[in-house]
């Protein structure tokens, strides 16, 4: 009998990845064909990140068994790291916690999600300057991607909102439609990380930030701000919770600045949009409403 011909599907692009996908997939346990192990999920995702999604990224690293903090005695299955701009230190962009796909009960999903959430909280506590970090929870060949913001109680999913432990919101890495959503979410992570990466263009970084000040083609121009009586520079700003207060971060002349919302006065732009103005830096940003960064 002739051997079957492999055809790429989803994020499974090679015959070797197909073997790993079959070994990790819950369907094969349900059918009695295989008993997946946790290391097989780790192996599958590590290879997808390294060989399929991030294979040409010199500013991104994928490492296994990494602690969420310098003094932590815990270790996450996989972490995706970026190179910090100006220092060349690597910092965590996304925690990836994996479990075998023998069960998909709410209890099992909640357990893996809680582990990833604990890593995120510990990491942000150890680096208080970062407003958020990303996470990925995986069960067999299915995964879900999350964002955790400083001070929050729980994750927010890239899809499925705030619902936790819901198997219907886990995407199969071998299904084409699911793979599109996974790729888009990971690309969003890479472009909108918690701070500028080494070699990353700030305008590209800022223009796609969620809940940030609006980026315009004339963002570097000095223009009059109504109610201020002087020219000010439009910047892209991030608002987030820090120590119980609302902080605002932005970049000015290539340098990261962090301020308190109370330092900003509110006004209105020439097109009638609401804005916030900082007298000390003589900058302003337009906004629709404050959202977590």
Protein backbone atom coordinates (compact mmCIF):
# COMPACT_ATOMS: atom_id res chain seq x y z
CA UNK A 1 0.00 0.00 0.00
CA UNK A 2 1.38 3.40 -0.95
CA UNK A 3 2.41 5.73 1.87
CA UNK A 4 0.07 8.66 2.49
CA UNK A 5 1.21 12.06 1.23
CA UNK A 6 1.65 14.74 3.89
CA UNK A 7 -0.15 18.02 3.27
CA UNK A 8 0.52 21.05 5.51
CA UNK A 9 -2.40 22.18 7.65
CA UNK A 10 -2.70 24.94 10.20
CA UNK A 11 0.69 25.44 11.85
CA UNK A 12 1.75 21.87 11.00
CA UNK A 13 4.12 22.43 8.10
CA UNK A 14 6.33 19.31 8.01
CA UNK A 15 5.92 15.53 8.38
CA UNK A 16 7.93 15.68 11.63
CA UNK A 17 5.54 18.23 13.10
CA UNK A 18 2.64 16.05 11.94
CA UNK A 19 3.96 13.16 14.03
CA UNK A 20 4.29 15.42 17.08
CA UNK A 21 0.79 16.84 16.46
CA UNK A 22 -0.74 13.35 16.32
CA UNK A 23 1.10 12.32 19.49
CA UNK A 24 -0.15 15.36 21.43
CA UNK A 25 -3.73 15.58 20.12
CA UNK A 26 -6.63 14.71 22.41
CA UNK A 27 -8.64 13.04 19.61
CA UNK A 28 -6.15 10.20 19.52
CA UNK A 29 -6.53 9.60 23.26
CA UNK A 30 -10.33 9.62 22.96
CA UNK A 31 -10.10 7.11 20.10
CA UNK A 32 -7.81 4.90 22.17
CA UNK A 33 -4.91 5.36 19.74
CA UNK A 34 -2.50 7.15 22.04
CA UNK A 35 -1.95 8.37 25.60
CA UNK A 36 -0.49 11.89 25.25
CA UNK A 37 2.15 13.09 27.69
CA UNK A 38 2.82 16.67 28.80
CA UNK A 39 6.31 16.72 27.30
CA UNK A 40 4.78 16.00 23.89
CA UNK A 41 2.70 19.18 24.08
CA UNK A 42 5.80 21.12 25.14
CA UNK A 43 7.79 19.61 22.26
CA UNK A 44 5.07 20.40 19.72
CA UNK A 45 4.66 24.05 20.74
CA UNK A 46 8.37 24.69 21.15
CA UNK A 47 8.95 23.47 17.61
CA UNK A 48 6.02 25.44 16.20
CA UNK A 49 7.38 28.63 17.78
CA UNK A 50 10.97 27.96 16.67
CA UNK A 51 10.39 26.45 13.22
CA UNK A 52 7.13 27.96 11.97
CA UNK A 53 6.26 31.30 13.60
CA UNK A 54 9.52 32.78 14.91
CA UNK A 55 12.14 31.07 12.78
CA UNK A 56 13.51 34.31 11.28
CA UNK A 57 13.29 36.51 14.38
CA UNK A 58 16.71 37.50 15.73
CA UNK A 59 15.12 39.69 18.42
CA UNK A 60 12.97 36.89 19.87
CA UNK A 61 14.07 33.82 21.85
CA UNK A 62 12.17 30.72 22.94
CA UNK A 63 13.44 29.09 26.15
CA UNK A 64 12.18 26.25 28.33
CA UNK A 65 11.94 25.82 32.10
CA UNK A 66 12.33 29.51 32.96
CA UNK A 67 11.47 31.12 36.33
CA UNK A 68 9.00 34.04 36.46
CA UNK A 69 11.31 35.98 38.77
CA UNK A 70 14.96 36.01 39.80
CA UNK A 71 14.21 34.60 43.25
CA UNK A 72 11.43 32.26 42.15
CA UNK A 73 11.62 28.51 42.68
CA UNK A 74 8.98 27.92 39.98
CA UNK A 75 9.62 27.25 36.30
CA UNK A 76 7.35 27.75 33.30
CA UNK A 77 7.35 25.15 30.51
CA UNK A 78 8.21 27.65 27.76
CA UNK A 79 8.78 31.40 27.68
CA UNK A 80 9.00 33.68 24.65
CA UNK A 81 11.49 36.49 25.28
CA UNK A 82 12.32 39.76 23.52
CA UNK A 83 15.49 41.86 23.48
CA UNK A 84 14.94 45.10 25.40
CA UNK A 85 15.77 48.26 23.46
CA UNK A 86 19.04 49.90 24.49
CA UNK A 87 20.16 47.21 26.97
CA UNK A 88 20.20 43.92 24.98
CA UNK A 89 18.77 42.15 28.03
CA UNK A 90 16.13 39.53 27.27
CA UNK A 91 12.79 39.95 29.01
CA UNK A 92 9.69 37.77 29.03
CA UNK A 93 7.00 38.55 26.49
CA UNK A 94 4.82 35.46 26.97
CA UNK A 95 4.58 32.57 29.42
CA UNK A 96 3.54 29.25 27.85
CA UNK A 97 2.21 26.62 30.26
CA UNK A 98 1.35 23.16 28.91
CA UNK A 99 -0.68 20.18 30.06
CA UNK A 100 -1.35 16.76 28.58
CA UNK A 101 -4.62 16.47 26.68
CA UNK A 102 -6.11 13.51 28.50
CA UNK A 103 -8.89 15.65 29.99
CA UNK A 104 -10.54 18.94 29.06
CA UNK A 105 -12.67 19.41 32.17
CA UNK A 106 -13.12 22.86 33.69
CA UNK A 107 -10.99 21.77 36.63
CA UNK A 108 -8.05 20.77 34.44
CA UNK A 109 -8.21 23.92 32.32
CA UNK A 110 -8.55 26.13 35.37
CA UNK A 111 -5.47 24.48 36.85
CA UNK A 112 -3.22 25.25 33.88
CA UNK A 113 -4.66 28.76 33.53
CA UNK A 114 -4.05 29.47 37.21
CA UNK A 115 -0.42 28.36 36.89
CA UNK A 116 0.14 30.72 33.97
CA UNK A 117 -1.66 33.53 35.81
CA UNK A 118 0.56 33.04 38.87
CA UNK A 119 3.66 33.31 36.66
CA UNK A 120 2.39 36.57 35.15
CA UNK A 121 1.62 38.10 38.53
CA UNK A 122 4.97 37.11 40.00
CA UNK A 123 6.83 38.42 36.96
CA UNK A 124 5.15 41.83 37.00
CA UNK A 125 5.67 42.10 40.75
CA UNK A 126 9.39 41.47 40.22
CA UNK A 127 9.54 44.11 37.45
CA UNK A 128 7.18 46.86 38.56
CA UNK A 129 7.82 49.06 35.51
CA UNK A 130 6.04 46.76 33.07
CA UNK A 131 2.31 47.35 32.54
CA UNK A 132 1.42 43.90 31.22
CA UNK A 133 2.66 40.53 29.97
CA UNK A 134 1.18 37.84 27.72
CA UNK A 135 0.45 34.16 28.35
CA UNK A 136 -0.43 31.01 26.47
CA UNK A 137 -2.11 27.97 28.00
CA UNK A 138 -1.98 24.72 26.06
CA UNK A 139 -3.70 21.39 26.39
CA UNK A 140 -2.40 18.87 23.91
CA UNK A 141 -2.57 20.44 20.45
CA UNK A 142 -5.03 23.15 21.55
CA UNK A 143 -4.10 26.52 23.00
CA UNK A 144 -5.45 29.85 24.13
CA UNK A 145 -3.64 33.21 24.25
CA UNK A 146 -4.06 35.80 26.98
CA UNK A 147 -3.02 39.24 28.19
CA UNK A 148 -2.49 40.00 31.87
CA UNK A 149 -2.34 43.65 32.99
CA UNK A 150 -0.67 44.88 36.16
CA UNK A 151 -3.08 44.81 39.10
CA UNK A 152 -5.80 42.73 37.42
CA UNK A 153 -7.33 39.69 39.10
CA UNK A 154 -7.48 37.60 35.93
CA UNK A 155 -6.54 37.29 32.28
CA UNK A 156 -8.30 38.70 29.26
CA UNK A 157 -8.32 36.33 26.30
CA UNK A 158 -7.38 37.35 22.77
CA UNK A 159 -10.67 35.66 21.93
CA UNK A 160 -13.43 34.55 24.28
CA UNK A 161 -13.15 37.68 26.45
CA UNK A 162 -12.75 37.06 30.17
CA UNK A 163 -14.27 33.57 30.20
CA UNK A 164 -11.98 31.09 31.93
CA UNK A 165 -11.64 27.33 31.65
CA UNK A 166 -13.77 27.13 28.49
CA UNK A 167 -12.64 24.40 26.09
CA UNK A 168 -14.58 25.95 23.20
CA UNK A 169 -12.14 28.89 23.29
CA UNK A 170 -9.07 26.69 22.80
CA UNK A 171 -7.77 26.69 19.21
CA UNK A 172 -6.39 23.64 17.41
CA UNK A 173 -2.92 24.35 15.96
CA UNK A 174 -3.63 21.97 13.09
CA UNK A 175 -6.80 23.66 11.82
CA UNK A 176 -6.29 26.37 9.19
CA UNK A 177 -8.88 28.83 10.53
CA UNK A 178 -7.60 28.44 14.10
CA UNK A 179 -4.01 28.87 12.93
CA UNK A 180 -4.89 32.24 11.37
CA UNK A 181 -6.20 33.52 14.71
CA UNK A 182 -3.19 32.15 16.58
CA UNK A 183 -0.75 33.79 14.15
CA UNK A 184 -2.58 37.12 14.35
CA UNK A 185 -2.56 37.06 18.15
CA UNK A 186 1.14 36.19 18.32
CA UNK A 187 2.00 38.90 15.81
CA UNK A 188 0.00 41.33 17.92
CA UNK A 189 2.09 40.31 20.93
CA UNK A 190 5.32 40.90 19.02
CA UNK A 191 4.31 44.33 17.77
CA UNK A 192 2.57 45.61 20.90
CA UNK A 193 4.79 44.25 23.67
CA UNK A 194 5.02 45.98 27.06
CA UNK A 195 7.97 48.09 25.89
CA UNK A 196 10.03 48.82 22.79
CA UNK A 197 12.21 45.94 21.51
CA UNK A 198 15.75 46.37 20.25
CA UNK A 199 15.62 47.43 16.60
CA UNK A 200 11.87 48.06 16.66
CA UNK A 201 10.63 51.23 15.00
CA UNK A 202 8.69 53.29 17.52
CA UNK A 203 6.09 54.57 15.06
CA UNK A 204 5.26 50.99 14.07
CA UNK A 205 5.16 49.98 17.73
CA UNK A 206 2.94 52.87 18.80
CA UNK A 207 0.48 52.96 15.94
CA UNK A 208 -1.08 49.60 16.76
CA UNK A 209 -1.22 49.78 20.54
CA UNK A 210 -4.57 48.79 22.05
CA UNK A 211 -6.30 51.53 23.95
CA UNK A 212 -3.49 53.97 23.25
CA UNK A 213 -3.55 57.57 22.12
CA UNK A 214 -4.33 57.99 18.45
CA UNK A 215 -1.37 57.98 16.04
CA UNK A 216 -1.57 60.37 13.07
CA UNK A 217 0.63 61.05 10.05
CA UNK A 218 1.58 64.41 11.60
CA UNK A 219 2.43 62.98 15.00
CA UNK A 220 5.80 64.73 15.31
CA UNK A 221 4.50 68.19 14.39
CA UNK A 222 4.28 70.95 16.97
CA UNK A 223 0.70 72.30 16.80
CA UNK A 224 -1.33 74.67 18.97
CA UNK A 225 -3.45 73.01 21.65
CA UNK A 226 -6.76 74.79 22.36
CA UNK A 227 -6.94 76.02 25.93
CA UNK A 228 -3.16 75.81 26.35
CA UNK A 229 -2.09 78.71 24.17
CA UNK A 230 1.16 77.15 22.94
CA UNK A 231 2.44 74.54 20.52
CA UNK A 232 2.65 70.98 21.81
CA UNK A 233 3.75 67.64 20.38
CA UNK A 234 1.30 64.80 19.81
CA UNK A 235 2.46 61.50 21.33
CA UNK A 236 1.08 57.99 21.63
CA UNK A 237 0.34 57.19 25.27
CA UNK A 238 -0.53 54.10 27.27
CA UNK A 239 -2.69 54.22 30.40
CA UNK A 240 -2.49 51.44 32.98
CA UNK A 241 -2.94 50.81 36.69
CA UNK A 242 0.16 51.05 38.92
CA UNK A 243 0.13 50.91 42.73
CA UNK A 244 -3.56 51.78 42.78
CA UNK A 245 -3.15 54.84 40.56
CA UNK A 246 -3.45 55.36 36.82
CA UNK A 247 -0.08 55.75 35.13
CA UNK A 248 0.55 57.07 31.62
CA UNK A 249 3.57 55.99 29.54
CA UNK A 250 4.74 57.47 26.26
CA UNK A 251 7.89 57.92 24.18
CA UNK A 252 9.47 61.32 23.56
CA UNK A 253 12.49 61.74 21.27
CA UNK A 254 13.20 58.03 21.51
CA UNK A 255 13.05 57.87 25.33
CA UNK A 256 10.40 56.14 27.40
CA UNK A 257 8.57 58.43 29.85
CA UNK A 258 6.26 57.37 32.68
CA UNK A 259 3.93 59.80 34.45
CA UNK A 260 0.78 59.83 36.58
CA UNK A 261 -2.58 60.63 35.05
CA UNK A 262 -3.02 63.34 37.69
CA UNK A 263 -0.12 65.23 36.02
CA UNK A 264 -2.18 65.67 32.84
CA UNK A 265 -4.88 68.28 32.20
CA UNK A 266 -7.84 67.56 29.95
CA UNK A 267 -8.83 69.64 26.95
CA UNK A 268 -10.07 69.36 23.41
CA UNK A 269 -8.22 69.03 20.12
CA UNK A 270 -8.86 71.13 17.01
CA UNK A 271 -11.11 68.43 15.57
CA UNK A 272 -13.16 68.28 18.74
CA UNK A 273 -11.63 65.08 20.14
CA UNK A 274 -10.84 64.95 23.87
CA UNK A 275 -7.16 65.16 24.75
CA UNK A 276 -4.79 65.12 27.72
CA UNK A 277 -1.96 67.68 27.96
CA UNK A 278 1.24 67.47 30.03
CA UNK A 279 2.69 70.91 30.73
CA UNK A 280 6.09 69.65 31.93
CA UNK A 281 6.86 67.77 28.71
CA UNK A 282 4.66 70.02 26.52
CA UNK A 283 3.02 67.01 24.89
CA UNK A 284 -0.55 65.82 24.47
CA UNK A 285 -2.43 62.79 23.24
CA UNK A 286 -5.93 62.25 21.91
CA UNK A 287 -8.13 59.46 23.19
CA UNK A 288 -11.59 57.94 22.97
CA UNK A 289 -11.55 56.69 26.53
CA UNK A 290 -8.99 55.30 28.94
CA UNK A 291 -8.39 51.61 28.47
CA UNK A 292 -5.87 49.26 29.93
CA UNK A 293 -2.66 49.12 27.89
